[in-house]
């Protein structure tokens, strides 16, 4: 089960970087044809919306993920894998959405603040990097093996 979840999350994680590269290429070429005025009324509204989305969704999705992982440990194993994969997909979707949106707005507005927002979202993506020990811990599988090892070490002494 852990290996399947790890492969799924790794695919999604590296797909996120591919999406970012595609957004950079698309934003670069879109900026040749379209340019938004950042001082216009609609430009200010769009910038504000993008900042509010970034500041609300990224901490929110990390908090939500952590909270549901705690509840997930009590569920049966058959349900854990499916639910955890859905949670991973949703977390990566929210982070990817912010990365792509801010990359595109960086090129369309020519505003460095969107580059900083992209960097923030990319750092959050680094926190989503999958590894086997995190997955085992999130699914409640690591606790069982650690307790068994502790008992064996105590008996040996």
C-alpha atoms as a PDB file:
ATOM      1  CA  UNK A   1       0.000   0.000   0.000  1.00  0.00           C
ATOM      2  CA  UNK A   2       2.781   2.445   0.892  1.00  0.00           C
ATOM      3  CA  UNK A   3       4.580   1.858  -2.400  1.00  0.00           C
ATOM      4  CA  UNK A   4       1.429   2.542  -4.455  1.00  0.00           C
ATOM      5  CA  UNK A   5       0.743   5.754  -2.572  1.00  0.00           C
ATOM      6  CA  UNK A   6       4.393   6.801  -2.899  1.00  0.00           C
ATOM      7  CA  UNK A   7       4.390   6.254  -6.674  1.00  0.00           C
ATOM      8  CA  UNK A   8       1.097   8.147  -7.010  1.00  0.00           C
ATOM      9  CA  UNK A   9       2.321  11.102  -4.987  1.00  0.00           C
ATOM     10  CA  UNK A  10       5.689  11.202  -6.761  1.00  0.00           C
ATOM     11  CA  UNK A  11       3.960  11.314 -10.153  1.00  0.00           C
ATOM     12  CA  UNK A  12       1.784  14.176  -8.994  1.00  0.00           C
ATOM     13  CA  UNK A  13       4.720  16.002  -7.441  1.00  0.00           C
ATOM     14  CA  UNK A  14       6.846  15.878 -10.576  1.00  0.00           C
ATOM     15  CA  UNK A  15       3.834  16.702 -12.732  1.00  0.00           C
ATOM     16  CA  UNK A  16       3.603  19.906 -10.694  1.00  0.00           C
ATOM     17  CA  UNK A  17       7.052  20.946 -11.876  1.00  0.00           C
ATOM     18  CA  UNK A  18       6.110  20.110 -15.457  1.00  0.00           C
ATOM     19  CA  UNK A  19       3.013  22.295 -15.101  1.00  0.00           C
ATOM     20  CA  UNK A  20       5.168  25.155 -13.836  1.00  0.00           C
ATOM     21  CA  UNK A  21       7.486  24.860 -16.849  1.00  0.00           C
ATOM     22  CA  UNK A  22       4.505  24.816 -19.223  1.00  0.00           C
ATOM     23  CA  UNK A  23       3.089  27.886 -17.443  1.00  0.00           C
ATOM     24  CA  UNK A  24       6.402  29.722 -17.864  1.00  0.00           C
ATOM     25  CA  UNK A  25       6.501  28.937 -21.579  1.00  0.00           C
ATOM     26  CA  UNK A  26       2.824  29.823 -22.016  1.00  0.00           C
ATOM     27  CA  UNK A  27       3.179  33.014 -19.997  1.00  0.00           C
ATOM     28  CA  UNK A  28       6.206  34.090 -21.965  1.00  0.00           C
ATOM     29  CA  UNK A  29       4.415  33.742 -25.288  1.00  0.00           C
ATOM     30  CA  UNK A  30       1.128  35.162 -23.969  1.00  0.00           C
ATOM     31  CA  UNK A  31       2.971  38.274 -22.764  1.00  0.00           C
ATOM     32  CA  UNK A  32       3.981  38.976 -26.354  1.00  0.00           C
ATOM     33  CA  UNK A  33       0.328  39.389 -27.338  1.00  0.00           C
ATOM     34  CA  UNK A  34      -1.434  40.509 -24.148  1.00  0.00           C
ATOM     35  CA  UNK A  35      -0.371  42.923 -21.447  1.00  0.00           C
ATOM     36  CA  UNK A  36      -2.433  44.124 -18.484  1.00  0.00           C
ATOM     37  CA  UNK A  37      -2.093  47.530 -16.918  1.00  0.00           C
ATOM     38  CA  UNK A  38      -1.401  47.008 -13.230  1.00  0.00           C
ATOM     39  CA  UNK A  39      -2.632  50.488 -12.314  1.00  0.00           C
ATOM     40  CA  UNK A  40      -6.063  50.082 -13.911  1.00  0.00           C
ATOM     41  CA  UNK A  41      -9.103  49.336 -11.780  1.00  0.00           C
ATOM     42  CA  UNK A  42      -9.492  45.802 -13.117  1.00  0.00           C
ATOM     43  CA  UNK A  43      -5.742  45.201 -12.794  1.00  0.00           C
ATOM     44  CA  UNK A  44      -5.752  46.198  -9.131  1.00  0.00           C
ATOM     45  CA  UNK A  45      -8.775  43.979  -8.486  1.00  0.00           C
ATOM     46  CA  UNK A  46      -7.107  41.006 -10.212  1.00  0.00           C
ATOM     47  CA  UNK A  47      -3.888  41.539  -8.263  1.00  0.00           C
ATOM     48  CA  UNK A  48      -5.789  41.729  -4.988  1.00  0.00           C
ATOM     49  CA  UNK A  49      -7.732  38.588  -5.810  1.00  0.00           C
ATOM     50  CA  UNK A  50      -4.534  36.694  -6.624  1.00  0.00           C
ATOM     51  CA  UNK A  51      -2.896  37.784  -3.350  1.00  0.00           C
ATOM     52  CA  UNK A  52      -5.962  36.872  -1.298  1.00  0.00           C
ATOM     53  CA  UNK A  53      -6.137  33.460  -2.996  1.00  0.00           C
ATOM     54  CA  UNK A  54      -2.478  32.811  -2.245  1.00  0.00           C
ATOM     55  CA  UNK A  55      -2.713  33.915   1.381  1.00  0.00           C
ATOM     56  CA  UNK A  56      -5.915  31.981   1.978  1.00  0.00           C
ATOM     57  CA  UNK A  57      -5.554  28.757   0.057  1.00  0.00           C
ATOM     58  CA  UNK A  58      -1.948  27.732   0.738  1.00  0.00           C
ATOM     59  CA  UNK A  59      -2.018  27.826   4.545  1.00  0.00           C
ATOM     60  CA  UNK A  60      -5.597  26.555   4.405  1.00  0.00           C
ATOM     61  CA  UNK A  61      -4.787  23.467   2.351  1.00  0.00           C
ATOM     62  CA  UNK A  62      -1.811  22.601   4.555  1.00  0.00           C
ATOM     63  CA  UNK A  63      -3.937  22.954   7.697  1.00  0.00           C
ATOM     64  CA  UNK A  64      -6.769  20.935   6.119  1.00  0.00           C
ATOM     65  CA  UNK A  65      -4.390  18.178   5.004  1.00  0.00           C
ATOM     66  CA  UNK A  66      -2.804  17.897   8.446  1.00  0.00           C
ATOM     67  CA  UNK A  67      -6.183  17.812  10.137  1.00  0.00           C
ATOM     68  CA  UNK A  68      -7.573  15.088   7.866  1.00  0.00           C
ATOM     69  CA  UNK A  69      -4.406  12.995   8.187  1.00  0.00           C
ATOM     70  CA  UNK A  70      -5.040  12.789  11.928  1.00  0.00           C
ATOM     71  CA  UNK A  71      -8.575  11.508  11.267  1.00  0.00           C
ATOM     72  CA  UNK A  72      -7.357   9.137   8.573  1.00  0.00           C
ATOM     73  CA  UNK A  73      -5.302   7.054  11.007  1.00  0.00           C
ATOM     74  CA  UNK A  74      -8.472   5.681  12.602  1.00  0.00           C
ATOM     75  CA  UNK A  75      -9.977   4.450   9.309  1.00  0.00           C
ATOM     76  CA  UNK A  76      -9.597   0.900   7.943  1.00  0.00           C
ATOM     77  CA  UNK A  77      -6.640   0.226   5.659  1.00  0.00           C
ATOM     78  CA  UNK A  78      -8.756  -0.299   2.539  1.00  0.00           C
ATOM     79  CA  UNK A  79     -10.230   3.170   2.853  1.00  0.00           C
ATOM     80  CA  UNK A  80      -6.969   4.866   3.885  1.00  0.00           C
ATOM     81  CA  UNK A  81      -5.218   4.486   0.548  1.00  0.00           C
ATOM     82  CA  UNK A  82      -8.042   5.885  -1.567  1.00  0.00           C
ATOM     83  CA  UNK A  83      -8.728   8.794   0.768  1.00  0.00           C
ATOM     84  CA  UNK A  84      -5.053   9.661   1.162  1.00  0.00           C
ATOM     85  CA  UNK A  85      -4.534   9.699  -2.613  1.00  0.00           C
ATOM     86  CA  UNK A  86      -7.493  12.058  -2.993  1.00  0.00           C
ATOM     87  CA  UNK A  87      -6.090  14.311  -0.299  1.00  0.00           C
ATOM     88  CA  UNK A  88      -2.682  14.376  -2.003  1.00  0.00           C
ATOM     89  CA  UNK A  89      -4.268  15.199  -5.351  1.00  0.00           C
ATOM     90  CA  UNK A  90      -6.304  18.046  -3.887  1.00  0.00           C
ATOM     91  CA  UNK A  91      -3.315  19.489  -2.017  1.00  0.00           C
ATOM     92  CA  UNK A  92      -1.168  19.418  -5.154  1.00  0.00           C
ATOM     93  CA  UNK A  93      -4.000  20.893  -7.230  1.00  0.00           C
ATOM     94  CA  UNK A  94      -4.319  23.904  -4.923  1.00  0.00           C
ATOM     95  CA  UNK A  95      -0.555  24.507  -4.841  1.00  0.00           C
ATOM     96  CA  UNK A  96      -0.252  24.031  -8.616  1.00  0.00           C
ATOM     97  CA  UNK A  97      -3.151  26.397  -9.237  1.00  0.00           C
ATOM     98  CA  UNK A  98      -1.383  29.105  -7.252  1.00  0.00           C
ATOM     99  CA  UNK A  99       1.921  28.503  -8.990  1.00  0.00           C
ATOM    100  CA  UNK A 100       0.439  28.582 -12.493  1.00  0.00           C
ATOM    101  CA  UNK A 101      -1.778  31.600 -11.761  1.00  0.00           C
ATOM    102  CA  UNK A 102       1.089  33.639 -10.348  1.00  0.00           C
ATOM    103  CA  UNK A 103       3.465  32.674 -13.165  1.00  0.00           C
ATOM    104  CA  UNK A 104       0.925  33.769 -15.764  1.00  0.00           C
ATOM    105  CA  UNK A 105       0.166  36.998 -13.913  1.00  0.00           C
ATOM    106  CA  UNK A 106       3.897  37.680 -13.570  1.00  0.00           C
ATOM    107  CA  UNK A 107       4.249  37.684 -17.326  1.00  0.00           C
ATOM    108  CA  UNK A 108       0.961  39.453 -18.096  1.00  0.00           C
ATOM    109  CA  UNK A 109       1.432  42.265 -15.561  1.00  0.00           C
ATOM    110  CA  UNK A 110       5.258  42.426 -15.637  1.00  0.00           C
ATOM    111  CA  UNK A 111       5.113  42.780 -11.861  1.00  0.00           C
ATOM    112  CA  UNK A 112       7.788  41.253  -9.635  1.00  0.00           C
ATOM    113  CA  UNK A 113       5.367  40.737  -6.744  1.00  0.00           C
ATOM    114  CA  UNK A 114       3.846  37.816  -8.668  1.00  0.00           C
ATOM    115  CA  UNK A 115       7.301  36.300  -8.956  1.00  0.00           C
ATOM    116  CA  UNK A 116       7.550  36.420  -5.164  1.00  0.00           C
ATOM    117  CA  UNK A 117       4.109  34.818  -4.879  1.00  0.00           C
ATOM    118  CA  UNK A 118       5.265  32.084  -7.231  1.00  0.00           C
ATOM    119  CA  UNK A 119       8.336  31.546  -5.054  1.00  0.00           C
ATOM    120  CA  UNK A 120       6.123  31.236  -1.961  1.00  0.00           C
ATOM    121  CA  UNK A 121       3.932  28.648  -3.676  1.00  0.00           C
ATOM    122  CA  UNK A 122       7.023  26.775  -4.917  1.00  0.00           C
ATOM    123  CA  UNK A 123       8.371  26.604  -1.364  1.00  0.00           C
ATOM    124  CA  UNK A 124       5.019  25.194  -0.233  1.00  0.00           C
ATOM    125  CA  UNK A 125       5.360  22.622  -3.026  1.00  0.00           C
ATOM    126  CA  UNK A 126       8.705  21.567  -1.552  1.00  0.00           C
ATOM    127  CA  UNK A 127       6.891  20.837   1.725  1.00  0.00           C
ATOM    128  CA  UNK A 128       4.620  18.492  -0.242  1.00  0.00           C
ATOM    129  CA  UNK A 129       7.554  16.364  -1.427  1.00  0.00           C
ATOM    130  CA  UNK A 130       6.593  12.736  -0.893  1.00  0.00           C
ATOM    131  CA  UNK A 131       8.792  10.239   0.907  1.00  0.00           C
ATOM    132  CA  UNK A 132       8.130   6.832   2.344  1.00  0.00           C
ATOM    133  CA  UNK A 133       8.522   7.727   6.017  1.00  0.00           C
ATOM    134  CA  UNK A 134       6.052  10.641   5.774  1.00  0.00           C
ATOM    135  CA  UNK A 135       3.485   8.456   4.045  1.00  0.00           C
ATOM    136  CA  UNK A 136       3.870   5.691   6.611  1.00  0.00           C
ATOM    137  CA  UNK A 137       3.558   8.218   9.402  1.00  0.00           C
ATOM    138  CA  UNK A 138       0.492   9.861   7.835  1.00  0.00           C
ATOM    139  CA  UNK A 139      -1.224   6.510   7.333  1.00  0.00           C
ATOM    140  CA  UNK A 140      -0.370   5.351  10.859  1.00  0.00           C
ATOM    141  CA  UNK A 141       1.856   2.503   9.679  1.00  0.00           C
ATOM    142  CA  UNK A 142       5.122   3.804  11.122  1.00  0.00           C
ATOM    143  CA  UNK A 143       3.874   3.867  14.714  1.00  0.00           C
ATOM    144  CA  UNK A 144       3.232   0.127  14.735  1.00  0.00           C
ATOM    145  CA  UNK A 145       6.733  -0.777  13.541  1.00  0.00           C
ATOM    146  CA  UNK A 146       8.456   1.663  15.906  1.00  0.00           C
ATOM    147  CA  UNK A 147       6.650   0.227  18.920  1.00  0.00           C
ATOM    148  CA  UNK A 148       7.648  -3.301  17.895  1.00  0.00           C
ATOM    149  CA  UNK A 149      11.302  -2.268  17.493  1.00  0.00           C
ATOM    150  CA  UNK A 150      11.305  -0.552  20.894  1.00  0.00           C
ATOM    151  CA  UNK A 151      10.012  -3.707  22.549  1.00  0.00           C
ATOM    152  CA  UNK A 152      12.693  -5.838  20.867  1.00  0.00           C
ATOM    153  CA  UNK A 153      15.464  -3.472  21.997  1.00  0.00           C
ATOM    154  CA  UNK A 154      14.160  -3.546  25.587  1.00  0.00           C
ATOM    155  CA  UNK A 155      14.059  -7.349  25.608  1.00  0.00           C
ATOM    156  CA  UNK A 156      17.624  -7.616  24.266  1.00  0.00           C
ATOM    157  CA  UNK A 157      19.053  -5.532  27.114  1.00  0.00           C
END
